[in-house]
Amino acid sequence: MGIINSISEFHQLLHLPEPLHPLVSVIRVADMRFKDNVIWEHFSFNFYCVSAKKTIWAKVKYGQQYYDYNKGVMSFVSPNQFQSLDIPQTDLLNPEFGTGYVLVVHPDFLYKHSLAATIKDYGFFSYSVNEALHLSEKEEKNVLELFQKIEEEYQYIDKHTQDIILSQIEMLLSYSNRFYERQFITRKAVNHDVLTRMDQLLNEYFNQEESLKKGLPTVESIASQLNLSPHYLSDLLRSFDGQNAQQHIHEKLIQKAKEYLTATNLSVAQIAYQLGFEYPQSFNKLFKKKMNISPLEFRQTFNH
């Protein structure tokens, strides 16, 4: 396990000259030469990394899944996010490793800029590698132009450099948001399958007493069963019907609660425990928030 602390260290590991700027760098994938195979087996950066690559011979591993970069894709990695790179020994110094760009930005470069706070709002920095952004030719052209502009800007460092580069990074992230929304829309059939499968998982969860002893279902546990990252699942579902994963779980929970309230004689407290709540008060609070009446009032209204 290795932690790559600085952009300078990253350059050294890739057989590249010292970066022109210590806190931001654009690396051409074609120039990469992997110096040491061991560190790439399990590593993390202490900086942000935005990649636009294609025809990559190595495979990136995130968790238990591999992603093969044979087509034009973008991926986003936040600081301290561990991943692995599977590089065949014969390809370590392969001059034809692939094409594209890698932008690396140290968090210190964002200091005192609004992006320091807002970068956390870009959910795709928490996506898994297999949830990369697939680009059309036109999208790829727009993205690569921004990488090139950032690279050009730090050739001559002055008092305007940081602001100009950060505005270009913001534009790059805004484009990425737009392109991910497009990807969710163009994969609507697949997204519908995810929604159906999630619905099935929640039905199974609430219908199995053993599962309910584990407590309420979490976004993390459902996402794991769907082989998706929690952020990607929420963004995918939100693009489909406006509700994130947590809201979907709550909706299914309230639906099941209404069944118990109308079709059984279980007390409100018993229903709360049956649904996985540790405290009946928490169930009452959520139900009232969603339905504008308490569980007991709902039962009385229905019985009348």
C-alpha atoms as a PDB file:
ATOM      1  CA  MET A   1       0.000   0.000   0.000  1.00  0.00           C
ATOM      2  CA  GLY A   2       1.479   3.334  -1.027  1.00  0.00           C
ATOM      3  CA  ILE A   3       0.418   6.941  -0.554  1.00  0.00           C
ATOM      4  CA  ILE A   4       1.592   9.399  -3.199  1.00  0.00           C
ATOM      5  CA  ASN A   5       1.864  12.622  -1.231  1.00  0.00           C
ATOM      6  CA  SER A   6       2.871  15.228  -3.791  1.00  0.00           C
ATOM      7  CA  ILE A   7       2.537  15.974  -7.474  1.00  0.00           C
ATOM      8  CA  SER A   8       6.339  16.026  -7.681  1.00  0.00           C
ATOM      9  CA  GLU A   9       6.472  12.470  -6.320  1.00  0.00           C
ATOM     10  CA  PHE A  10       3.794  11.410  -8.830  1.00  0.00           C
ATOM     11  CA  HIS A  11       5.905  12.821 -11.673  1.00  0.00           C
ATOM     12  CA  GLN A  12       8.969  10.910 -10.438  1.00  0.00           C
ATOM     13  CA  LEU A  13       7.034   7.641 -10.302  1.00  0.00           C
ATOM     14  CA  LEU A  14       5.973   8.186 -13.921  1.00  0.00           C
ATOM     15  CA  HIS A  15       9.499   9.020 -15.213  1.00  0.00           C
ATOM     16  CA  LEU A  16       8.440  12.625 -15.878  1.00  0.00           C
ATOM     17  CA  PRO A  17      10.363  15.896 -15.370  1.00  0.00           C
ATOM     18  CA  GLU A  18       9.614  18.001 -12.292  1.00  0.00           C
ATOM     19  CA  PRO A  19       6.185  19.718 -12.575  1.00  0.00           C
ATOM     20  CA  LEU A  20       6.248  23.377 -13.622  1.00  0.00           C
ATOM     21  CA  HIS A  21       3.783  24.141 -10.821  1.00  0.00           C
ATOM     22  CA  PRO A  22       4.018  22.294  -7.476  1.00  0.00           C
ATOM     23  CA  LEU A  23       0.239  22.164  -6.926  1.00  0.00           C
ATOM     24  CA  VAL A  24      -1.256  21.510 -10.359  1.00  0.00           C
ATOM     25  CA  SER A  25      -0.158  19.525 -13.386  1.00  0.00           C
ATOM     26  CA  VAL A  26      -1.539  18.156 -16.629  1.00  0.00           C
ATOM     27  CA  ILE A  27       0.128  14.905 -17.675  1.00  0.00           C
ATOM     28  CA  ARG A  28      -0.127  13.424 -21.137  1.00  0.00           C
ATOM     29  CA  VAL A  29      -0.891   9.725 -20.850  1.00  0.00           C
ATOM     30  CA  ALA A  30       1.425   8.983 -23.785  1.00  0.00           C
ATOM     31  CA  ASP A  31       4.351  10.366 -21.725  1.00  0.00           C
ATOM     32  CA  MET A  32       3.760   8.085 -18.728  1.00  0.00           C
ATOM     33  CA  ARG A  33       6.476   5.531 -17.943  1.00  0.00           C
ATOM     34  CA  PHE A  34       5.799   3.416 -14.879  1.00  0.00           C
ATOM     35  CA  LYS A  35       8.928   3.261 -12.769  1.00  0.00           C
ATOM     36  CA  ASP A  36       7.872   0.748 -10.127  1.00  0.00           C
ATOM     37  CA  ASN A  37       5.206  -1.939 -10.336  1.00  0.00           C
ATOM     38  CA  VAL A  38       4.809  -2.514  -6.586  1.00  0.00           C
ATOM     39  CA  ILE A  39       3.319   0.831  -5.530  1.00  0.00           C
ATOM     40  CA  TRP A  40       0.613   0.614  -8.194  1.00  0.00           C
ATOM     41  CA  GLU A  41      -0.777  -2.570  -6.652  1.00  0.00           C
ATOM     42  CA  HIS A  42      -2.551  -0.554  -3.936  1.00  0.00           C
ATOM     43  CA  PHE A  43      -2.158   3.214  -3.755  1.00  0.00           C
ATOM     44  CA  SER A  44      -3.858   6.537  -3.108  1.00  0.00           C
ATOM     45  CA  PHE A  45      -3.193  10.197  -3.938  1.00  0.00           C
ATOM     46  CA  ASN A  46      -3.116  13.146  -1.546  1.00  0.00           C
ATOM     47  CA  PHE A  47      -4.588  15.232  -4.355  1.00  0.00           C
ATOM     48  CA  TYR A  48      -7.499  15.287  -6.806  1.00  0.00           C
ATOM     49  CA  CYS A  49      -7.097  13.457 -10.093  1.00  0.00           C
ATOM     50  CA  VAL A  50      -9.282  13.952 -13.192  1.00  0.00           C
ATOM     51  CA  SER A  51      -8.490  11.714 -16.159  1.00  0.00           C
ATOM     52  CA  ALA A  52      -9.622  11.650 -19.770  1.00  0.00           C
ATOM     53  CA  LYS A  53      -8.130   8.554 -21.366  1.00  0.00           C
ATOM     54  CA  LYS A  54      -8.589   5.953 -24.045  1.00  0.00           C
ATOM     55  CA  THR A  55      -6.753   2.929 -25.458  1.00  0.00           C
ATOM     56  CA  ILE A  56      -5.206   2.236 -22.044  1.00  0.00           C
ATOM     57  CA  TRP A  57      -3.556  -1.161 -21.856  1.00  0.00           C
ATOM     58  CA  ALA A  58      -3.467  -1.380 -18.064  1.00  0.00           C
ATOM     59  CA  LYS A  59      -6.598  -2.019 -16.050  1.00  0.00           C
ATOM     60  CA  VAL A  60      -7.646  -0.008 -13.016  1.00  0.00           C
ATOM     61  CA  LYS A  61      -9.081  -1.944 -10.086  1.00  0.00           C
ATOM     62  CA  TYR A  62     -11.403  -0.338  -7.555  1.00  0.00           C
ATOM     63  CA  GLY A  63     -12.624  -2.710  -4.831  1.00  0.00           C
ATOM     64  CA  GLN A  64     -13.115  -6.043  -6.574  1.00  0.00           C
ATOM     65  CA  GLN A  65     -13.940  -4.696 -10.034  1.00  0.00           C
ATOM     66  CA  TYR A  66     -11.714  -3.904 -12.998  1.00  0.00           C
ATOM     67  CA  TYR A  67     -12.304  -1.228 -15.592  1.00  0.00           C
ATOM     68  CA  ASP A  68     -10.725  -1.394 -19.029  1.00  0.00           C
ATOM     69  CA  TYR A  69     -10.089   2.006 -20.672  1.00  0.00           C
ATOM     70  CA  ASN A  70     -10.395   0.965 -24.292  1.00  0.00           C
ATOM     71  CA  LYS A  71     -12.714   3.854 -25.175  1.00  0.00           C
ATOM     72  CA  GLY A  72     -12.750   7.558 -24.332  1.00  0.00           C
ATOM     73  CA  VAL A  73     -13.748   7.872 -20.704  1.00  0.00           C
ATOM     74  CA  MET A  74     -13.328  10.249 -17.782  1.00  0.00           C
ATOM     75  CA  SER A  75     -12.737   9.218 -14.197  1.00  0.00           C
ATOM     76  CA  PHE A  76     -12.446  11.242 -10.998  1.00  0.00           C
ATOM     77  CA  VAL A  77     -10.466  10.398  -7.877  1.00  0.00           C
ATOM     78  CA  SER A  78     -10.485  12.354  -4.634  1.00  0.00           C
ATOM     79  CA  PRO A  79      -7.657  12.418  -2.076  1.00  0.00           C
ATOM     80  CA  ASN A  80      -7.165   9.224  -0.022  1.00  0.00           C
ATOM     81  CA  GLN A  81      -9.251   7.069  -2.375  1.00  0.00           C
ATOM     82  CA  PHE A  82      -7.461   3.721  -2.732  1.00  0.00           C
ATOM     83  CA  GLN A  83      -7.218   1.934  -6.068  1.00  0.00           C
ATOM     84  CA  SER A  84      -5.008  -0.544  -7.909  1.00  0.00           C
ATOM     85  CA  LEU A  85      -3.406  -0.539 -11.339  1.00  0.00           C
ATOM     86  CA  ASP A  86      -2.774  -3.880 -13.007  1.00  0.00           C
ATOM     87  CA  ILE A  87       0.161  -3.356 -15.374  1.00  0.00           C
ATOM     88  CA  PRO A  88       1.690  -6.309 -17.243  1.00  0.00           C
ATOM     89  CA  GLN A  89       5.430  -6.449 -16.421  1.00  0.00           C
ATOM     90  CA  THR A  90       6.331  -6.148 -20.094  1.00  0.00           C
ATOM     91  CA  ASP A  91       4.329  -2.899 -20.387  1.00  0.00           C
ATOM     92  CA  LEU A  92       5.986  -0.983 -17.561  1.00  0.00           C
ATOM     93  CA  LEU A  93       8.036   1.112 -19.987  1.00  0.00           C
ATOM     94  CA  ASN A  94       5.710   0.680 -22.935  1.00  0.00           C
ATOM     95  CA  PRO A  95       5.818   3.916 -24.983  1.00  0.00           C
ATOM     96  CA  GLU A  96       2.317   3.174 -26.293  1.00  0.00           C
ATOM     97  CA  PHE A  97       0.614   2.984 -22.918  1.00  0.00           C
ATOM     98  CA  GLY A  98      -2.396   4.972 -24.146  1.00  0.00           C
ATOM     99  CA  THR A  99      -3.640   8.459 -24.994  1.00  0.00           C
ATOM    100  CA  GLY A 100      -5.350  11.284 -23.160  1.00  0.00           C
ATOM    101  CA  TYR A 101      -4.662  13.546 -20.183  1.00  0.00           C
ATOM    102  CA  VAL A 102      -4.470  13.358 -16.404  1.00  0.00           C
ATOM    103  CA  LEU A 103      -5.076  16.522 -14.379  1.00  0.00           C
ATOM    104  CA  VAL A 104      -3.776  16.450 -10.808  1.00  0.00           C
ATOM    105  CA  VAL A 105      -4.664  19.237  -8.363  1.00  0.00           C
ATOM    106  CA  HIS A 106      -3.457  19.494  -4.775  1.00  0.00           C
ATOM    107  CA  PRO A 107      -6.132  20.674  -2.279  1.00  0.00           C
ATOM    108  CA  ASP A 108      -3.818  23.565  -1.301  1.00  0.00           C
ATOM    109  CA  PHE A 109      -4.248  25.002  -4.807  1.00  0.00           C
ATOM    110  CA  LEU A 110      -7.951  25.560  -3.979  1.00  0.00           C
ATOM    111  CA  TYR A 111      -7.142  27.502  -0.814  1.00  0.00           C
ATOM    112  CA  LYS A 112      -9.341  30.619  -0.323  1.00  0.00           C
ATOM    113  CA  HIS A 113     -11.267  29.839  -3.513  1.00  0.00           C
ATOM    114  CA  SER A 114     -14.963  28.878  -3.571  1.00  0.00           C
ATOM    115  CA  LEU A 115     -14.035  25.605  -5.282  1.00  0.00           C
ATOM    116  CA  ALA A 116     -12.397  24.431  -2.032  1.00  0.00           C
ATOM    117  CA  ALA A 117     -15.909  24.054  -0.592  1.00  0.00           C
ATOM    118  CA  THR A 118     -17.936  23.245  -3.707  1.00  0.00           C
ATOM    119  CA  ILE A 119     -15.688  20.480  -5.065  1.00  0.00           C
ATOM    120  CA  LYS A 120     -17.227  18.195  -2.424  1.00  0.00           C
ATOM    121  CA  ASP A 121     -20.608  18.691  -4.135  1.00  0.00           C
ATOM    122  CA  TYR A 122     -19.433  16.901  -7.279  1.00  0.00           C
ATOM    123  CA  GLY A 123     -20.627  13.406  -6.425  1.00  0.00           C
ATOM    124  CA  PHE A 124     -18.641  11.734  -9.198  1.00  0.00           C
ATOM    125  CA  PHE A 125     -15.452  12.074  -7.121  1.00  0.00           C
ATOM    126  CA  SER A 126     -16.976   9.282  -5.007  1.00  0.00           C
ATOM    127  CA  TYR A 127     -17.970   7.045  -7.910  1.00  0.00           C
ATOM    128  CA  SER A 128     -16.243   3.715  -8.468  1.00  0.00           C
ATOM    129  CA  VAL A 129     -13.883   3.261 -11.406  1.00  0.00           C
ATOM    130  CA  ASN A 130     -16.413   1.084 -13.244  1.00  0.00           C
ATOM    131  CA  GLU A 131     -18.848   4.048 -13.143  1.00  0.00           C
ATOM    132  CA  ALA A 132     -16.629   6.201 -15.352  1.00  0.00           C
ATOM    133  CA  LEU A 133     -18.052   8.835 -17.698  1.00  0.00           C
ATOM    134  CA  HIS A 134     -18.213   7.724 -21.333  1.00  0.00           C
ATOM    135  CA  LEU A 135     -17.705  10.607 -23.746  1.00  0.00           C
ATOM    136  CA  SER A 136     -19.052  11.239 -27.221  1.00  0.00           C
ATOM    137  CA  GLU A 137     -16.574  12.604 -29.789  1.00  0.00           C
ATOM    138  CA  LYS A 138     -17.900  16.140 -29.366  1.00  0.00           C
ATOM    139  CA  GLU A 139     -17.790  15.905 -25.557  1.00  0.00           C
ATOM    140  CA  GLU A 140     -14.273  14.508 -25.675  1.00  0.00           C
ATOM    141  CA  LYS A 141     -13.150  17.436 -27.863  1.00  0.00           C
ATOM    142  CA  ASN A 142     -14.545  19.988 -25.354  1.00  0.00           C
ATOM    143  CA  VAL A 143     -12.897  18.225 -22.425  1.00  0.00           C
ATOM    144  CA  LEU A 144      -9.484  17.838 -24.059  1.00  0.00           C
ATOM    145  CA  GLU A 145      -9.439  21.535 -24.997  1.00  0.00           C
ATOM    146  CA  LEU A 146      -9.833  22.426 -21.311  1.00  0.00           C
ATOM    147  CA  PHE A 147      -6.978  20.107 -20.303  1.00  0.00           C
ATOM    148  CA  GLN A 148      -4.808  21.811 -22.920  1.00  0.00           C
ATOM    149  CA  LYS A 149      -5.772  25.320 -21.732  1.00  0.00           C
ATOM    150  CA  ILE A 150      -4.895  24.442 -18.139  1.00  0.00           C
ATOM    151  CA  GLU A 151      -1.569  23.033 -19.310  1.00  0.00           C
ATOM    152  CA  GLU A 152      -0.821  26.207 -21.297  1.00  0.00           C
ATOM    153  CA  GLU A 153      -1.758  28.524 -18.429  1.00  0.00           C
ATOM    154  CA  TYR A 154       0.812  27.333 -15.888  1.00  0.00           C
ATOM    155  CA  GLN A 155       3.684  27.621 -18.395  1.00  0.00           C
ATOM    156  CA  TYR A 156       4.018  31.267 -17.288  1.00  0.00           C
ATOM    157  CA  ILE A 157       3.083  31.684 -13.637  1.00  0.00           C
ATOM    158  CA  ASP A 158       1.889  35.113 -12.482  1.00  0.00           C
ATOM    159  CA  LYS A 159      -0.706  36.532 -10.088  1.00  0.00           C
ATOM    160  CA  HIS A 160      -3.563  35.591 -12.458  1.00  0.00           C
ATOM    161  CA  THR A 161      -2.547  31.961 -13.013  1.00  0.00           C
ATOM    162  CA  GLN A 162      -4.421  30.431 -10.098  1.00  0.00           C
ATOM    163  CA  ASP A 163      -7.744  32.176 -10.774  1.00  0.00           C
ATOM    164  CA  ILE A 164      -7.662  31.369 -14.489  1.00  0.00           C
ATOM    165  CA  ILE A 165      -6.808  27.694 -13.924  1.00  0.00           C
ATOM    166  CA  LEU A 166      -9.455  27.307 -11.215  1.00  0.00           C
ATOM    167  CA  SER A 167     -12.107  28.815 -13.475  1.00  0.00           C
ATOM    168  CA  GLN A 168     -11.119  26.285 -16.153  1.00  0.00           C
ATOM    169  CA  ILE A 169     -11.272  23.430 -13.624  1.00  0.00           C
ATOM    170  CA  GLU A 170     -14.754  24.598 -12.577  1.00  0.00           C
ATOM    171  CA  MET A 171     -15.807  24.563 -16.216  1.00  0.00           C
ATOM    172  CA  LEU A 172     -14.377  21.061 -16.619  1.00  0.00           C
ATOM    173  CA  LEU A 173     -16.367  19.834 -13.606  1.00  0.00           C
ATOM    174  CA  SER A 174     -19.535  21.580 -14.824  1.00  0.00           C
ATOM    175  CA  TYR A 175     -19.184  19.905 -18.220  1.00  0.00           C
ATOM    176  CA  SER A 176     -18.678  16.585 -16.435  1.00  0.00           C
ATOM    177  CA  ASN A 177     -21.906  17.125 -14.504  1.00  0.00           C
ATOM    178  CA  ARG A 178     -23.753  17.785 -17.751  1.00  0.00           C
ATOM    179  CA  PHE A 179     -22.238  14.748 -19.479  1.00  0.00           C
ATOM    180  CA  TYR A 180     -23.064  12.451 -16.558  1.00  0.00           C
ATOM    181  CA  GLU A 181     -26.682  13.638 -16.693  1.00  0.00           C
ATOM    182  CA  ARG A 182     -26.676  12.835 -20.401  1.00  0.00           C
ATOM    183  CA  GLN A 183     -25.232   9.393 -19.646  1.00  0.00           C
ATOM    184  CA  PHE A 184     -27.958   8.697 -17.084  1.00  0.00           C
ATOM    185  CA  ILE A 185     -30.613   9.685 -19.641  1.00  0.00           C
ATOM    186  CA  THR A 186     -29.161   7.623 -22.505  1.00  0.00           C
ATOM    187  CA  ARG A 187     -28.999   4.604 -20.183  1.00  0.00           C
ATOM    188  CA  LYS A 188     -32.550   5.020 -18.921  1.00  0.00           C
ATOM    189  CA  ALA A 189     -33.481   1.393 -19.657  1.00  0.00           C
ATOM    190  CA  VAL A 190     -30.537   0.209 -17.560  1.00  0.00           C
ATOM    191  CA  ASN A 191     -31.452   2.699 -14.836  1.00  0.00           C
ATOM    192  CA  HIS A 192     -34.990   1.336 -14.770  1.00  0.00           C
ATOM    193  CA  ASP A 193     -33.557  -2.143 -14.208  1.00  0.00           C
ATOM    194  CA  VAL A 194     -31.549  -0.785 -11.254  1.00  0.00           C
ATOM    195  CA  LEU A 195     -34.697   0.782  -9.796  1.00  0.00           C
ATOM    196  CA  THR A 196     -36.592  -2.512 -10.218  1.00  0.00           C
ATOM    197  CA  ARG A 197     -33.779  -4.511  -8.621  1.00  0.00           C
ATOM    198  CA  MET A 198     -33.547  -2.033  -5.727  1.00  0.00           C
ATOM    199  CA  ASP A 199     -37.293  -2.348  -5.193  1.00  0.00           C
ATOM    200  CA  GLN A 200     -36.929  -6.134  -5.074  1.00  0.00           C
ATOM    201  CA  LEU A 201     -34.068  -5.912  -2.563  1.00  0.00           C
ATOM    202  CA  LEU A 202     -36.090  -3.628  -0.284  1.00  0.00           C
ATOM    203  CA  ASN A 203     -39.146  -5.897  -0.520  1.00  0.00           C
ATOM    204  CA  GLU A 204     -36.998  -8.881   0.406  1.00  0.00           C
ATOM    205  CA  TYR A 205     -35.420  -6.925   3.248  1.00  0.00           C
ATOM    206  CA  PHE A 206     -38.704  -5.879   4.824  1.00  0.00           C
ATOM    207  CA  ASN A 207     -40.274  -9.317   4.343  1.00  0.00           C
ATOM    208  CA  GLN A 208     -37.485 -11.258   6.057  1.00  0.00           C
ATOM    209  CA  GLU A 209     -37.505 -11.123   9.820  1.00  0.00           C
ATOM    210  CA  GLU A 210     -33.836 -12.094  10.080  1.00  0.00           C
ATOM    211  CA  SER A 211     -32.816  -9.110   7.942  1.00  0.00           C
ATOM    212  CA  LEU A 212     -34.864  -6.713  10.036  1.00  0.00           C
ATOM    213  CA  LYS A 213     -32.841  -7.637  13.118  1.00  0.00           C
ATOM    214  CA  LYS A 214     -29.923  -5.879  11.427  1.00  0.00           C
ATOM    215  CA  GLY A 215     -31.750  -2.550  11.601  1.00  0.00           C
ATOM    216  CA  LEU A 216     -32.838  -0.233   8.820  1.00  0.00           C
ATOM    217  CA  PRO A 217     -31.445  -0.814   5.317  1.00  0.00           C
ATOM    218  CA  THR A 218     -28.720   1.656   4.393  1.00  0.00           C
ATOM    219  CA  VAL A 219     -27.827   3.242   1.078  1.00  0.00           C
ATOM    220  CA  GLU A 220     -24.369   1.660   1.414  1.00  0.00           C
ATOM    221  CA  SER A 221     -25.734  -1.880   1.867  1.00  0.00           C
ATOM    222  CA  ILE A 222     -28.219  -1.582  -1.025  1.00  0.00           C
ATOM    223  CA  ALA A 223     -25.604  -0.015  -3.331  1.00  0.00           C
ATOM    224  CA  SER A 224     -23.165  -2.811  -2.487  1.00  0.00           C
ATOM    225  CA  GLN A 225     -25.720  -5.457  -3.476  1.00  0.00           C
ATOM    226  CA  LEU A 226     -26.289  -3.605  -6.769  1.00  0.00           C
ATOM    227  CA  ASN A 227     -22.492  -3.388  -7.362  1.00  0.00           C
ATOM    228  CA  LEU A 228     -22.661   0.409  -7.420  1.00  0.00           C
ATOM    229  CA  SER A 229     -21.139   3.133  -5.263  1.00  0.00           C
ATOM    230  CA  PRO A 230     -23.632   4.933  -2.964  1.00  0.00           C
ATOM    231  CA  HIS A 231     -23.146   8.307  -4.702  1.00  0.00           C
ATOM    232  CA  TYR A 232     -23.596   6.843  -8.178  1.00  0.00           C
ATOM    233  CA  LEU A 233     -26.761   4.994  -7.111  1.00  0.00           C
ATOM    234  CA  SER A 234     -28.260   8.175  -5.639  1.00  0.00           C
ATOM    235  CA  ASP A 235     -27.387  10.300  -8.676  1.00  0.00           C
ATOM    236  CA  LEU A 236     -28.696   7.640 -11.056  1.00  0.00           C
ATOM    237  CA  LEU A 237     -32.019   7.372  -9.214  1.00  0.00           C
ATOM    238  CA  ARG A 238     -32.321  11.168  -8.910  1.00  0.00           C
ATOM    239  CA  SER A 239     -31.918  11.504 -12.682  1.00  0.00           C
ATOM    240  CA  PHE A 240     -34.700   8.954 -13.146  1.00  0.00           C
ATOM    241  CA  ASP A 241     -37.433  10.238 -10.840  1.00  0.00           C
ATOM    242  CA  GLY A 242     -35.972  13.066  -8.750  1.00  0.00           C
ATOM    243  CA  GLN A 243     -35.454  10.991  -5.602  1.00  0.00           C
ATOM    244  CA  ASN A 244     -32.101   9.878  -4.225  1.00  0.00           C
ATOM    245  CA  ALA A 245     -31.419   6.418  -2.767  1.00  0.00           C
ATOM    246  CA  GLN A 246     -32.247   7.417   0.820  1.00  0.00           C
ATOM    247  CA  GLN A 247     -35.598   8.820  -0.295  1.00  0.00           C
ATOM    248  CA  HIS A 248     -36.357   5.583  -2.145  1.00  0.00           C
ATOM    249  CA  ILE A 249     -35.612   3.581   1.004  1.00  0.00           C
ATOM    250  CA  HIS A 250     -37.876   5.863   3.061  1.00  0.00           C
ATOM    251  CA  GLU A 251     -40.647   5.604   0.483  1.00  0.00           C
ATOM    252  CA  LYS A 252     -40.535   1.790   0.581  1.00  0.00           C
ATOM    253  CA  LEU A 253     -40.397   1.875   4.393  1.00  0.00           C
ATOM    254  CA  ILE A 254     -43.481   4.109   4.647  1.00  0.00           C
ATOM    255  CA  GLN A 255     -45.306   1.890   2.144  1.00  0.00           C
ATOM    256  CA  LYS A 256     -44.584  -1.154   4.310  1.00  0.00           C
ATOM    257  CA  ALA A 257     -45.560   0.726   7.481  1.00  0.00           C
ATOM    258  CA  LYS A 258     -48.941   1.606   5.950  1.00  0.00           C
ATOM    259  CA  GLU A 259     -49.506  -2.076   5.195  1.00  0.00           C
ATOM    260  CA  TYR A 260     -48.863  -2.996   8.840  1.00  0.00           C
ATOM    261  CA  LEU A 261     -51.045  -0.152  10.124  1.00  0.00           C
ATOM    262  CA  THR A 262     -54.013  -1.092   7.942  1.00  0.00           C
ATOM    263  CA  ALA A 263     -53.777  -4.901   7.790  1.00  0.00           C
ATOM    264  CA  THR A 264     -52.512  -5.946  11.257  1.00  0.00           C
ATOM    265  CA  ASN A 265     -53.244  -5.320  14.914  1.00  0.00           C
ATOM    266  CA  LEU A 266     -49.591  -4.716  15.747  1.00  0.00           C
ATOM    267  CA  SER A 267     -48.978  -1.691  17.947  1.00  0.00           C
ATOM    268  CA  VAL A 268     -47.086   1.272  16.521  1.00  0.00           C
ATOM    269  CA  ALA A 269     -44.065   0.307  18.628  1.00  0.00           C
ATOM    270  CA  GLN A 270     -44.181  -3.298  17.353  1.00  0.00           C
ATOM    271  CA  ILE A 271     -44.373  -2.043  13.755  1.00  0.00           C
ATOM    272  CA  ALA A 272     -41.381   0.225  14.368  1.00  0.00           C
ATOM    273  CA  TYR A 273     -39.283  -2.692  15.627  1.00  0.00           C
ATOM    274  CA  GLN A 274     -40.567  -4.929  12.810  1.00  0.00           C
ATOM    275  CA  LEU A 275     -39.313  -2.380  10.274  1.00  0.00           C
ATOM    276  CA  GLY A 276     -35.872  -2.238  11.877  1.00  0.00           C
ATOM    277  CA  PHE A 277     -36.140   0.955  13.937  1.00  0.00           C
ATOM    278  CA  GLU A 278     -34.223   0.919  17.195  1.00  0.00           C
ATOM    279  CA  TYR A 279     -36.621   3.428  18.781  1.00  0.00           C
ATOM    280  CA  PRO A 280     -40.373   3.841  18.052  1.00  0.00           C
ATOM    281  CA  GLN A 281     -39.946   7.633  18.364  1.00  0.00           C
ATOM    282  CA  SER A 282     -37.697   7.611  15.274  1.00  0.00           C
ATOM    283  CA  PHE A 283     -40.374   5.753  13.306  1.00  0.00           C
ATOM    284  CA  ASN A 284     -43.079   8.180  14.459  1.00  0.00           C
ATOM    285  CA  LYS A 285     -40.946  11.167  13.472  1.00  0.00           C
ATOM    286  CA  LEU A 286     -40.193   9.851   9.956  1.00  0.00           C
ATOM    287  CA  PHE A 287     -43.792   8.765   9.320  1.00  0.00           C
ATOM    288  CA  LYS A 288     -45.177  12.145  10.382  1.00  0.00           C
ATOM    289  CA  LYS A 289     -42.599  13.946   8.254  1.00  0.00           C
ATOM    290  CA  LYS A 290     -43.611  11.957   5.168  1.00  0.00           C
ATOM    291  CA  MET A 291     -47.367  11.679   5.745  1.00  0.00           C
ATOM    292  CA  ASN A 292     -48.117  14.842   7.808  1.00  0.00           C
ATOM    293  CA  ILE A 293     -49.920  12.687  10.397  1.00  0.00           C
ATOM    294  CA  SER A 294     -48.692  10.226  13.014  1.00  0.00           C
ATOM    295  CA  PRO A 295     -48.896   6.430  12.466  1.00  0.00           C
ATOM    296  CA  LEU A 296     -51.703   6.188  15.039  1.00  0.00           C
ATOM    297  CA  GLU A 297     -53.674   9.012  13.379  1.00  0.00           C
ATOM    298  CA  PHE A 298     -53.189   7.282  10.000  1.00  0.00           C
ATOM    299  CA  ARG A 299     -54.584   4.019  11.422  1.00  0.00           C
ATOM    300  CA  GLN A 300     -57.574   5.812  12.971  1.00  0.00           C
ATOM    301  CA  THR A 301     -58.297   7.707   9.733  1.00  0.00           C
ATOM    302  CA  PHE A 302     -58.155   4.512   7.723  1.00  0.00           C
ATOM    303  CA  ASN A 303     -60.406   2.603  10.138  1.00  0.00           C
ATOM    304  CA  HIS A 304     -63.052   5.325   9.948  1.00  0.00           C
END
